[in-house]
Structures are given as C-alpha cells and as structure tokens.
Amino acid sequence: MSGQHAGVQAFIQCAYKNAQYVHCYAHQLNLIVGQATSQNQQVRVFFSNLRDITNFFNKSPQRIVVLDETVRKRIPHGSTTRWNFKSRTINTVYEYREQLIECMGKIESTSKQAVAINQAGAIRRMLEDSKFVFWLTVFHNIMPHVDVLYNQLQKTRTDAALIRKQVNVFQQSLERERKRMDTVTKDISASYETLRKRKGENIHINRTVAAREICDVISNQIKEIYFSLLCCFSPRSSKIPGVREKFPTQILDQTTDVYSMLQKDRLKTELGVIYRRSEFRNI
C-alpha cells in the first residue's frame, strides 16, 4: 500500500480523482511508533545498525550459507516502514545474538573479500557492544506488547470499544516495562565490568532515563491519536450530555489535523446534530 507516486493509492487516485487515502488503525500504529523512536539519537543509531545486519546478508548466497551453518535461522528482511518487520528482526537478533557473533567471526576468517571482512568485523563488534545490547533488550521487551496491539488493530471485526480496551491494556503493559528499565540496565551493566565505576554509573542513569522516555513517548502518542479519533467519531452515551453543552473543538481540531481531507465545518455540524439527538444516547 505504500508509495504515493507509484503505489496502490496512486493507481486508485488515478482512476478515482476524489478518492482519499486514509491509513488504517494498524498502519497508524506503525507511524506512531516509528516517529516516537526516531526522536532519540541513540535509538536512531540502533535501528540503523539493525538494518546493517539485514543488508549484510541480502543478495549474498555465500554469507547466507555461513548463516545457515552457524545460526540456522534467517534474518527477516522486508519493508523497513513496517514496525512488525522490525519487531521480527529484533527478536531474531536478540535470540540468536551469540550465534550471529560466531557467524561474523567465521566470515571474517574465511572470506576473501575485503569489504565482507570489514563489514563482518564491524557487525561482530556491534553485537558485543553494551549500548547495542541494551537497546536490543529494551525493544525485545517492548515488542510483544506492540505486536499484540498491532494484531488487534489488523482485525476486520473491531470497534471503538475494543480499540479503547486494547490501547488501555497496551499502556498498562508498557508502564510495567518502563518500571523494569532500571533492572534491565543494571543486568546489562553487570555483564560489562570493564567500564570504570563512575563512567558505568553515568551510563546506567542515562540509559535508564532514555529508555523510559521512549516508553512515555510511545504511550502518550498512541493514547493521543487513538483516543482523539475514538472520542470524535464514536461518541459514547455517557459523553453526549457533556458535549451538547460544550462541543469538543480541541479533539475535532486534532482529528482534522491528522486527516486533512475531512471538512471540519461540515463534520462539526453533523456531529452536533448527532450529539443533540436523543436516540444516539443509547449507542
């Protein structure tokens, strides 16, 4: 579905000029998580390094042979815009990190290509680096909760109430992971005792704070986007008496900012009529 110039949406809009492309709930989750993780420089570097591992094995049968011999597991490759693709890559690298280190070492010692030797050595050192291992562990812990929410949003039979429930469950799960970040940092720091004590303490604090900020940004953005849409387009009966007295203008503004094709004035008028009608109070 991606590609506004050559993708499916471009072909549809070529035939139907007034058709508007609207992201589904699940794709909106991809965008939210992608934007949230791009705000931190360390995380941007982490995902860039993760792509290096995938790219290293792409279009190289010789390297894949070594991968199959040592790891016995292929590294997922696909669209880098889909969060569930990154999720599968993270989980694979986390679970087979030691085998991947062995794989890179074998390529270093057996390859006759200087480029392959240099790249394999760089990836091996990266897989052994405490900073990379830390973020790999953080996102490995977050991934299952993102995947559950993603799969729920992909279902064809869903509604506002179910989405609201799943977003609440996701936020509670993410908060539990957030509280565990200090323990995660300590465990990884203990595995890298070569750091000086003072330097190690500073790194420990900085990484914990950064990881918690990532959790906060993801949680807040998901809540803001989904609850704004749900409140605006799926008003619950308990909300209607309040909105009859004061229309939720801020929520409407946020929604029309996200979906620019909506006609704000017309939508406000139609929602106002709905809020005033008594039969909608029992929806």
C-alpha atoms as a PDB file:
ATOM      1  CA  MET A   1       0.000   0.000   0.000  1.00  0.00           C
ATOM      2  CA  SER A   2       2.983   2.320   0.353  1.00  0.00           C
ATOM      3  CA  GLY A   3       4.049   4.808  -2.292  1.00  0.00           C
ATOM      4  CA  GLN A   4       2.039   7.920  -3.017  1.00  0.00           C
ATOM      5  CA  HIS A   5       3.538   8.172  -6.516  1.00  0.00           C
ATOM      6  CA  ALA A   6       3.706   4.538  -7.673  1.00  0.00           C
ATOM      7  CA  GLY A   7       1.814   2.509  -5.056  1.00  0.00           C
ATOM      8  CA  VAL A   8      -1.752   1.203  -4.904  1.00  0.00           C
ATOM      9  CA  GLN A   9      -3.089   4.535  -3.669  1.00  0.00           C
ATOM     10  CA  ALA A  10      -1.606   6.283  -6.733  1.00  0.00           C
ATOM     11  CA  PHE A  11      -3.345   3.880  -9.136  1.00  0.00           C
ATOM     12  CA  ILE A  12      -6.683   4.244  -7.329  1.00  0.00           C
ATOM     13  CA  GLN A  13      -6.485   8.042  -7.302  1.00  0.00           C
ATOM     14  CA  CYS A  14      -5.622   7.996 -10.991  1.00  0.00           C
ATOM     15  CA  ALA A  15      -8.938   6.259 -11.709  1.00  0.00           C
ATOM     16  CA  TYR A  16     -10.944   7.988  -8.972  1.00  0.00           C
ATOM     17  CA  LYS A  17      -9.829  11.599  -8.586  1.00  0.00           C
ATOM     18  CA  ASN A  18     -11.815  12.235  -5.401  1.00  0.00           C
ATOM     19  CA  ALA A  19     -10.653   9.101  -3.571  1.00  0.00           C
ATOM     20  CA  GLN A  20      -8.787   9.923  -0.361  1.00  0.00           C
ATOM     21  CA  TYR A  21      -6.097   7.660   1.067  1.00  0.00           C
ATOM     22  CA  VAL A  22      -6.621   7.049   4.785  1.00  0.00           C
ATOM     23  CA  HIS A  23      -4.264   4.925   6.880  1.00  0.00           C
ATOM     24  CA  CYS A  24      -5.848   2.021   8.728  1.00  0.00           C
ATOM     25  CA  TYR A  25      -5.547   1.839  12.521  1.00  0.00           C
ATOM     26  CA  ALA A  26      -2.691  -0.687  12.305  1.00  0.00           C
ATOM     27  CA  HIS A  27      -0.662   1.427   9.880  1.00  0.00           C
ATOM     28  CA  GLN A  28      -1.250   4.426  12.115  1.00  0.00           C
ATOM     29  CA  LEU A  29       0.456   2.410  14.864  1.00  0.00           C
ATOM     30  CA  ASN A  30       3.440   1.874  12.552  1.00  0.00           C
ATOM     31  CA  LEU A  31       3.717   5.619  12.023  1.00  0.00           C
ATOM     32  CA  ILE A  32       3.351   6.467  15.704  1.00  0.00           C
ATOM     33  CA  VAL A  33       5.985   4.016  16.924  1.00  0.00           C
ATOM     34  CA  GLY A  34       8.316   4.938  14.078  1.00  0.00           C
ATOM     35  CA  GLN A  35       8.060   8.647  14.877  1.00  0.00           C
ATOM     36  CA  ALA A  36       8.459   8.042  18.600  1.00  0.00           C
ATOM     37  CA  THR A  37      11.631   6.009  18.225  1.00  0.00           C
ATOM     38  CA  SER A  38      13.156   8.475  15.749  1.00  0.00           C
ATOM     39  CA  GLN A  39      13.228  11.244  18.368  1.00  0.00           C
ATOM     40  CA  ASN A  40      16.164   9.706  20.254  1.00  0.00           C
ATOM     41  CA  GLN A  41      19.602   9.787  18.634  1.00  0.00           C
ATOM     42  CA  GLN A  42      20.777   6.550  20.285  1.00  0.00           C
ATOM     43  CA  VAL A  43      17.665   4.734  19.085  1.00  0.00           C
ATOM     44  CA  ARG A  44      18.083   6.048  15.540  1.00  0.00           C
ATOM     45  CA  VAL A  45      21.637   4.690  15.529  1.00  0.00           C
ATOM     46  CA  PHE A  46      20.406   1.362  16.941  1.00  0.00           C
ATOM     47  CA  PHE A  47      17.854   0.824  14.162  1.00  0.00           C
ATOM     48  CA  SER A  48      20.379   1.917  11.555  1.00  0.00           C
ATOM     49  CA  ASN A  49      22.791  -0.715  12.891  1.00  0.00           C
ATOM     50  CA  LEU A  50      20.000  -3.270  12.871  1.00  0.00           C
ATOM     51  CA  ARG A  51      19.422  -2.609   9.171  1.00  0.00           C
ATOM     52  CA  ASP A  52      23.132  -3.170   8.570  1.00  0.00           C
ATOM     53  CA  ILE A  53      22.751  -6.757   9.791  1.00  0.00           C
ATOM     54  CA  THR A  54      19.833  -7.389   7.431  1.00  0.00           C
ATOM     55  CA  ASN A  55      21.551  -5.723   4.484  1.00  0.00           C
ATOM     56  CA  PHE A  56      24.742  -7.694   5.108  1.00  0.00           C
ATOM     57  CA  PHE A  57      23.035 -10.956   4.164  1.00  0.00           C
ATOM     58  CA  ASN A  58      20.860  -9.599   1.344  1.00  0.00           C
ATOM     59  CA  LYS A  59      21.870 -10.763  -2.137  1.00  0.00           C
ATOM     60  CA  SER A  60      24.851 -12.745  -0.842  1.00  0.00           C
ATOM     61  CA  PRO A  61      24.416 -16.531  -1.153  1.00  0.00           C
ATOM     62  CA  GLN A  62      27.882 -17.150   0.302  1.00  0.00           C
ATOM     63  CA  ARG A  63      27.103 -15.264   3.513  1.00  0.00           C
ATOM     64  CA  ILE A  64      23.698 -16.937   3.796  1.00  0.00           C
ATOM     65  CA  VAL A  65      25.404 -20.346   3.636  1.00  0.00           C
ATOM     66  CA  VAL A  66      27.533 -19.417   6.657  1.00  0.00           C
ATOM     67  CA  LEU A  67      24.424 -18.021   8.380  1.00  0.00           C
ATOM     68  CA  ASP A  68      22.560 -21.291   7.842  1.00  0.00           C
ATOM     69  CA  GLU A  69      25.506 -23.317   9.157  1.00  0.00           C
ATOM     70  CA  THR A  70      26.050 -21.326  12.363  1.00  0.00           C
ATOM     71  CA  VAL A  71      22.729 -19.673  13.218  1.00  0.00           C
ATOM     72  CA  ARG A  72      20.256 -21.958  11.406  1.00  0.00           C
ATOM     73  CA  LYS A  73      17.869 -19.025  11.278  1.00  0.00           C
ATOM     74  CA  ARG A  74      17.366 -16.417   8.563  1.00  0.00           C
ATOM     75  CA  ILE A  75      17.318 -12.720   9.448  1.00  0.00           C
ATOM     76  CA  PRO A  76      13.907 -11.281   8.429  1.00  0.00           C
ATOM     77  CA  HIS A  77      14.027  -8.776   5.611  1.00  0.00           C
ATOM     78  CA  GLY A  78      11.250  -6.720   4.070  1.00  0.00           C
ATOM     79  CA  SER A  79       9.727  -3.269   4.191  1.00  0.00           C
ATOM     80  CA  THR A  80      11.602  -1.053   6.636  1.00  0.00           C
ATOM     81  CA  THR A  81       8.460   1.063   7.111  1.00  0.00           C
ATOM     82  CA  ARG A  82       6.513  -1.726   8.805  1.00  0.00           C
ATOM     83  CA  TRP A  83       7.008  -1.937  12.536  1.00  0.00           C
ATOM     84  CA  ASN A  84       6.194  -5.656  12.702  1.00  0.00           C
ATOM     85  CA  PHE A  85       9.108  -6.257  10.313  1.00  0.00           C
ATOM     86  CA  LYS A  86      11.438  -4.503  12.771  1.00  0.00           C
ATOM     87  CA  SER A  87       9.857  -6.495  15.563  1.00  0.00           C
ATOM     88  CA  ARG A  88      10.727  -9.827  13.948  1.00  0.00           C
ATOM     89  CA  THR A  89      14.252  -8.653  13.196  1.00  0.00           C
ATOM     90  CA  ILE A  90      14.824  -7.518  16.783  1.00  0.00           C
ATOM     91  CA  ASN A  91      13.511 -10.765  18.228  1.00  0.00           C
ATOM     92  CA  THR A  92      15.680 -12.861  15.899  1.00  0.00           C
ATOM     93  CA  VAL A  93      18.859 -10.888  16.621  1.00  0.00           C
ATOM     94  CA  TYR A  94      18.138 -10.978  20.373  1.00  0.00           C
ATOM     95  CA  GLU A  95      17.551 -14.724  20.478  1.00  0.00           C
ATOM     96  CA  TYR A  96      20.489 -15.625  18.203  1.00  0.00           C
ATOM     97  CA  ARG A  97      22.994 -12.902  19.112  1.00  0.00           C
ATOM     98  CA  GLU A  98      25.716 -15.318  20.260  1.00  0.00           C
ATOM     99  CA  GLN A  99      25.338 -17.424  17.121  1.00  0.00           C
ATOM    100  CA  LEU A 100      25.452 -14.285  14.969  1.00  0.00           C
ATOM    101  CA  ILE A 101      28.715 -13.263  16.648  1.00  0.00           C
ATOM    102  CA  GLU A 102      30.107 -16.689  15.774  1.00  0.00           C
ATOM    103  CA  CYS A 103      28.796 -16.312  12.222  1.00  0.00           C
ATOM    104  CA  MET A 104      30.514 -12.943  11.758  1.00  0.00           C
ATOM    105  CA  GLY A 105      33.755 -14.321  13.142  1.00  0.00           C
ATOM    106  CA  LYS A 106      33.637 -17.199  10.675  1.00  0.00           C
ATOM    107  CA  ILE A 107      33.017 -14.854   7.739  1.00  0.00           C
ATOM    108  CA  GLU A 108      35.942 -12.692   8.901  1.00  0.00           C
ATOM    109  CA  SER A 109      38.292 -15.668   8.919  1.00  0.00           C
ATOM    110  CA  THR A 110      37.144 -17.386   5.718  1.00  0.00           C
ATOM    111  CA  SER A 111      36.045 -14.644   3.325  1.00  0.00           C
ATOM    112  CA  LYS A 112      38.427 -13.483   0.603  1.00  0.00           C
ATOM    113  CA  GLN A 113      36.623 -10.175   0.058  1.00  0.00           C
ATOM    114  CA  ALA A 114      37.983  -7.189   1.983  1.00  0.00           C
ATOM    115  CA  VAL A 115      34.564  -5.499   2.081  1.00  0.00           C
ATOM    116  CA  ALA A 116      32.908  -8.582   3.588  1.00  0.00           C
ATOM    117  CA  ILE A 117      35.698  -8.956   6.165  1.00  0.00           C
ATOM    118  CA  ASN A 118      35.415  -5.320   7.249  1.00  0.00           C
ATOM    119  CA  GLN A 119      31.612  -5.401   7.443  1.00  0.00           C
ATOM    120  CA  ALA A 120      31.557  -8.696   9.346  1.00  0.00           C
ATOM    121  CA  GLY A 121      34.094  -7.356  11.845  1.00  0.00           C
ATOM    122  CA  ALA A 122      32.091  -4.165  12.375  1.00  0.00           C
ATOM    123  CA  ILE A 123      28.850  -6.095  12.937  1.00  0.00           C
ATOM    124  CA  ARG A 124      30.566  -8.543  15.312  1.00  0.00           C
ATOM    125  CA  ARG A 125      31.895  -5.668  17.446  1.00  0.00           C
ATOM    126  CA  MET A 126      28.476  -4.032  17.364  1.00  0.00           C
ATOM    127  CA  LEU A 127      26.779  -7.229  18.579  1.00  0.00           C
ATOM    128  CA  GLU A 128      29.218  -7.270  21.517  1.00  0.00           C
ATOM    129  CA  ASP A 129      28.743  -3.575  22.353  1.00  0.00           C
ATOM    130  CA  SER A 130      26.876  -2.829  25.605  1.00  0.00           C
ATOM    131  CA  LYS A 131      24.902   0.074  24.113  1.00  0.00           C
ATOM    132  CA  PHE A 132      23.579  -2.057  21.248  1.00  0.00           C
ATOM    133  CA  VAL A 133      22.768  -4.944  23.603  1.00  0.00           C
ATOM    134  CA  PHE A 134      20.914  -2.563  25.914  1.00  0.00           C
ATOM    135  CA  TRP A 135      18.610  -1.174  23.222  1.00  0.00           C
ATOM    136  CA  LEU A 136      18.185  -4.633  21.723  1.00  0.00           C
ATOM    137  CA  THR A 137      16.955  -5.856  25.120  1.00  0.00           C
ATOM    138  CA  VAL A 138      14.709  -2.827  25.644  1.00  0.00           C
ATOM    139  CA  PHE A 139      12.903  -3.252  22.339  1.00  0.00           C
ATOM    140  CA  HIS A 140      12.794  -7.028  22.687  1.00  0.00           C
ATOM    141  CA  ASN A 141      10.805  -6.436  25.888  1.00  0.00           C
ATOM    142  CA  ILE A 142       8.535  -3.831  24.280  1.00  0.00           C
ATOM    143  CA  MET A 143       7.924  -5.741  21.032  1.00  0.00           C
ATOM    144  CA  PRO A 144       5.398  -8.330  22.272  1.00  0.00           C
ATOM    145  CA  HIS A 145       3.058  -5.608  23.529  1.00  0.00           C
ATOM    146  CA  VAL A 146       3.304  -3.638  20.275  1.00  0.00           C
ATOM    147  CA  ASP A 147       2.665  -6.824  18.285  1.00  0.00           C
ATOM    148  CA  VAL A 148      -0.454  -7.682  20.299  1.00  0.00           C
ATOM    149  CA  LEU A 149      -1.908  -4.215  19.719  1.00  0.00           C
ATOM    150  CA  TYR A 150      -0.917  -4.319  16.038  1.00  0.00           C
ATOM    151  CA  ASN A 151      -2.649  -7.682  15.528  1.00  0.00           C
ATOM    152  CA  GLN A 152      -5.796  -6.454  17.259  1.00  0.00           C
ATOM    153  CA  LEU A 153      -5.937  -3.378  15.037  1.00  0.00           C
ATOM    154  CA  GLN A 154      -5.485  -5.551  11.931  1.00  0.00           C
ATOM    155  CA  LYS A 155      -8.679  -7.489  12.629  1.00  0.00           C
ATOM    156  CA  THR A 156     -11.544  -6.739  10.267  1.00  0.00           C
ATOM    157  CA  ARG A 157     -14.096  -7.113  13.042  1.00  0.00           C
ATOM    158  CA  THR A 158     -13.210  -4.415  15.508  1.00  0.00           C
ATOM    159  CA  ASP A 159     -14.933  -1.416  17.006  1.00  0.00           C
ATOM    160  CA  ALA A 160     -14.242   1.667  19.074  1.00  0.00           C
ATOM    161  CA  ALA A 161     -14.849  -0.088  22.397  1.00  0.00           C
ATOM    162  CA  LEU A 162     -12.408  -2.903  21.595  1.00  0.00           C
ATOM    163  CA  ILE A 163      -9.734  -0.491  20.383  1.00  0.00           C
ATOM    164  CA  ARG A 164     -10.128   1.597  23.523  1.00  0.00           C
ATOM    165  CA  LYS A 165      -9.729  -1.529  25.663  1.00  0.00           C
ATOM    166  CA  GLN A 166      -6.654  -2.731  23.755  1.00  0.00           C
ATOM    167  CA  VAL A 167      -4.983   0.690  23.946  1.00  0.00           C
ATOM    168  CA  ASN A 168      -5.559   0.724  27.717  1.00  0.00           C
ATOM    169  CA  VAL A 169      -4.077  -2.771  28.064  1.00  0.00           C
ATOM    170  CA  PHE A 170      -1.099  -1.722  25.932  1.00  0.00           C
ATOM    171  CA  GLN A 171      -0.443   1.328  28.097  1.00  0.00           C
ATOM    172  CA  GLN A 172      -0.575  -0.728  31.288  1.00  0.00           C
ATOM    173  CA  SER A 173       1.841  -3.288  29.824  1.00  0.00           C
ATOM    174  CA  LEU A 174       4.205  -0.574  28.634  1.00  0.00           C
ATOM    175  CA  GLU A 175       4.151   1.037  32.074  1.00  0.00           C
ATOM    176  CA  ARG A 176       5.247  -2.261  33.634  1.00  0.00           C
ATOM    177  CA  GLU A 177       8.139  -2.464  31.177  1.00  0.00           C
ATOM    178  CA  ARG A 178       9.007   1.152  31.957  1.00  0.00           C
ATOM    179  CA  LYS A 179       9.322   0.364  35.655  1.00  0.00           C
ATOM    180  CA  ARG A 180      11.645  -2.562  34.851  1.00  0.00           C
ATOM    181  CA  MET A 181      14.121  -0.433  32.879  1.00  0.00           C
ATOM    182  CA  ASP A 182      16.365   0.155  35.880  1.00  0.00           C
ATOM    183  CA  THR A 183      16.720  -3.602  36.396  1.00  0.00           C
ATOM    184  CA  VAL A 184      17.407  -4.154  32.689  1.00  0.00           C
ATOM    185  CA  THR A 185      20.145  -1.511  32.749  1.00  0.00           C
ATOM    186  CA  LYS A 186      21.775  -2.981  35.871  1.00  0.00           C
ATOM    187  CA  ASP A 187      21.783  -6.505  34.447  1.00  0.00           C
ATOM    188  CA  ILE A 188      23.461  -5.403  31.222  1.00  0.00           C
ATOM    189  CA  SER A 189      25.924  -3.131  33.027  1.00  0.00           C
ATOM    190  CA  ALA A 190      26.936  -6.057  35.252  1.00  0.00           C
ATOM    191  CA  SER A 191      27.874  -8.017  32.126  1.00  0.00           C
ATOM    192  CA  TYR A 192      30.298  -5.293  31.032  1.00  0.00           C
ATOM    193  CA  GLU A 193      32.524  -4.809  34.070  1.00  0.00           C
ATOM    194  CA  THR A 194      35.349  -3.252  32.041  1.00  0.00           C
ATOM    195  CA  LEU A 195      33.711   0.155  32.367  1.00  0.00           C
ATOM    196  CA  ARG A 196      35.083   2.399  35.076  1.00  0.00           C
ATOM    197  CA  LYS A 197      32.767   2.679  38.062  1.00  0.00           C
ATOM    198  CA  ARG A 198      31.909   6.366  37.706  1.00  0.00           C
ATOM    199  CA  LYS A 199      31.513   6.114  33.949  1.00  0.00           C
ATOM    200  CA  GLY A 200      29.411   2.999  34.385  1.00  0.00           C
ATOM    201  CA  GLU A 201      27.095   4.739  36.835  1.00  0.00           C
ATOM    202  CA  ASN A 202      26.570   7.671  34.459  1.00  0.00           C
ATOM    203  CA  ILE A 203      25.827   5.350  31.563  1.00  0.00           C
ATOM    204  CA  HIS A 204      23.426   3.380  33.756  1.00  0.00           C
ATOM    205  CA  ILE A 205      21.433   6.502  34.676  1.00  0.00           C
ATOM    206  CA  ASN A 206      21.421   7.958  31.165  1.00  0.00           C
ATOM    207  CA  ARG A 207      20.273   4.738  29.530  1.00  0.00           C
ATOM    208  CA  THR A 208      17.504   4.172  32.064  1.00  0.00           C
ATOM    209  CA  VAL A 209      16.194   7.710  31.569  1.00  0.00           C
ATOM    210  CA  ALA A 210      16.377   7.414  27.775  1.00  0.00           C
ATOM    211  CA  ALA A 211      14.551   4.066  27.744  1.00  0.00           C
ATOM    212  CA  ARG A 212      11.785   5.387  29.985  1.00  0.00           C
ATOM    213  CA  GLU A 213      11.395   8.430  27.753  1.00  0.00           C
ATOM    214  CA  ILE A 214      10.891   6.145  24.760  1.00  0.00           C
ATOM    215  CA  CYS A 215       8.141   4.280  26.635  1.00  0.00           C
ATOM    216  CA  ASP A 216       6.487   7.579  27.586  1.00  0.00           C
ATOM    217  CA  VAL A 217       6.573   8.967  24.060  1.00  0.00           C
ATOM    218  CA  ILE A 218       5.114   5.793  22.524  1.00  0.00           C
ATOM    219  CA  SER A 219       2.403   5.547  25.175  1.00  0.00           C
ATOM    220  CA  ASN A 220       1.404   9.218  25.023  1.00  0.00           C
ATOM    221  CA  GLN A 221       1.302   9.425  21.235  1.00  0.00           C
ATOM    222  CA  ILE A 222      -0.769   6.264  20.900  1.00  0.00           C
ATOM    223  CA  LYS A 223      -3.201   7.490  23.537  1.00  0.00           C
ATOM    224  CA  GLU A 224      -3.480  10.932  21.936  1.00  0.00           C
ATOM    225  CA  ILE A 225      -4.098   9.710  18.388  1.00  0.00           C
ATOM    226  CA  TYR A 226      -6.433   6.789  19.058  1.00  0.00           C
ATOM    227  CA  PHE A 227      -8.470   8.344  21.833  1.00  0.00           C
ATOM    228  CA  SER A 228      -8.925  11.548  19.822  1.00  0.00           C
ATOM    229  CA  LEU A 229     -10.322   9.561  16.920  1.00  0.00           C
ATOM    230  CA  LEU A 230     -12.482   7.379  19.141  1.00  0.00           C
ATOM    231  CA  CYS A 231     -13.947  10.309  21.060  1.00  0.00           C
ATOM    232  CA  CYS A 232     -14.695  12.252  17.914  1.00  0.00           C
ATOM    233  CA  PHE A 233     -16.141   9.541  15.708  1.00  0.00           C
ATOM    234  CA  SER A 234     -17.530   7.112  18.275  1.00  0.00           C
ATOM    235  CA  PRO A 235     -19.206   9.198  20.975  1.00  0.00           C
ATOM    236  CA  ARG A 236     -20.363   7.118  23.909  1.00  0.00           C
ATOM    237  CA  SER A 237     -23.724   7.775  25.535  1.00  0.00           C
ATOM    238  CA  SER A 238     -22.066   8.906  28.779  1.00  0.00           C
ATOM    239  CA  LYS A 239     -20.162  11.603  26.854  1.00  0.00           C
ATOM    240  CA  ILE A 240     -23.069  13.056  24.896  1.00  0.00           C
ATOM    241  CA  PRO A 241     -24.712  15.144  27.665  1.00  0.00           C
ATOM    242  CA  GLY A 242     -21.395  16.929  28.192  1.00  0.00           C
ATOM    243  CA  VAL A 243     -20.659  17.600  24.535  1.00  0.00           C
ATOM    244  CA  ARG A 244     -24.136  19.003  23.990  1.00  0.00           C
ATOM    245  CA  GLU A 245     -23.166  21.828  26.323  1.00  0.00           C
ATOM    246  CA  LYS A 246     -19.580  22.226  25.093  1.00  0.00           C
ATOM    247  CA  PHE A 247     -18.531  20.829  21.733  1.00  0.00           C
ATOM    248  CA  PRO A 248     -15.105  19.039  21.836  1.00  0.00           C
ATOM    249  CA  THR A 249     -13.435  21.537  19.500  1.00  0.00           C
ATOM    250  CA  GLN A 250      -9.895  20.576  20.507  1.00  0.00           C
ATOM    251  CA  ILE A 251     -10.497  16.911  19.686  1.00  0.00           C
ATOM    252  CA  LEU A 252     -12.031  17.879  16.343  1.00  0.00           C
ATOM    253  CA  ASP A 253      -9.009  20.067  15.551  1.00  0.00           C
ATOM    254  CA  GLN A 254      -6.614  17.227  16.363  1.00  0.00           C
ATOM    255  CA  THR A 255      -8.577  14.808  14.187  1.00  0.00           C
ATOM    256  CA  THR A 256      -8.747  17.108  11.162  1.00  0.00           C
ATOM    257  CA  ASP A 257      -5.028  17.817  11.527  1.00  0.00           C
ATOM    258  CA  VAL A 258      -4.331  14.088  11.217  1.00  0.00           C
ATOM    259  CA  TYR A 259      -6.871  13.568   8.411  1.00  0.00           C
ATOM    260  CA  SER A 260      -6.628  16.743   6.345  1.00  0.00           C
ATOM    261  CA  MET A 261      -9.183  15.556   3.776  1.00  0.00           C
ATOM    262  CA  LEU A 262     -12.008  15.983   6.321  1.00  0.00           C
ATOM    263  CA  GLN A 263     -14.182  19.086   6.050  1.00  0.00           C
ATOM    264  CA  LYS A 264     -14.019  20.487   9.564  1.00  0.00           C
ATOM    265  CA  ASP A 265     -17.071  22.770   9.435  1.00  0.00           C
ATOM    266  CA  ARG A 266     -19.311  20.161   7.858  1.00  0.00           C
ATOM    267  CA  LEU A 267     -18.134  17.463  10.261  1.00  0.00           C
ATOM    268  CA  LYS A 268     -18.734  19.739  13.237  1.00  0.00           C
ATOM    269  CA  THR A 269     -22.284  20.431  12.068  1.00  0.00           C
ATOM    270  CA  GLU A 270     -23.062  16.747  11.527  1.00  0.00           C
ATOM    271  CA  LEU A 271     -21.599  15.718  14.886  1.00  0.00           C
ATOM    272  CA  GLY A 272     -23.523  18.500  16.578  1.00  0.00           C
ATOM    273  CA  VAL A 273     -26.754  17.074  15.183  1.00  0.00           C
ATOM    274  CA  ILE A 274     -25.804  13.585  16.375  1.00  0.00           C
ATOM    275  CA  TYR A 275     -24.967  14.807  19.873  1.00  0.00           C
ATOM    276  CA  ARG A 276     -28.349  16.547  20.171  1.00  0.00           C
ATOM    277  CA  ARG A 277     -30.454  13.579  19.072  1.00  0.00           C
ATOM    278  CA  SER A 278     -31.797  11.513  21.965  1.00  0.00           C
ATOM    279  CA  GLU A 279     -31.679   8.168  20.107  1.00  0.00           C
ATOM    280  CA  PHE A 280     -27.867   8.314  19.984  1.00  0.00           C
ATOM    281  CA  ARG A 281     -27.556   8.346  23.761  1.00  0.00           C
ATOM    282  CA  ASN A 282     -28.092   4.584  23.886  1.00  0.00           C
ATOM    283  CA  ILE A 283     -25.417   3.677  21.310  1.00  0.00           C
END
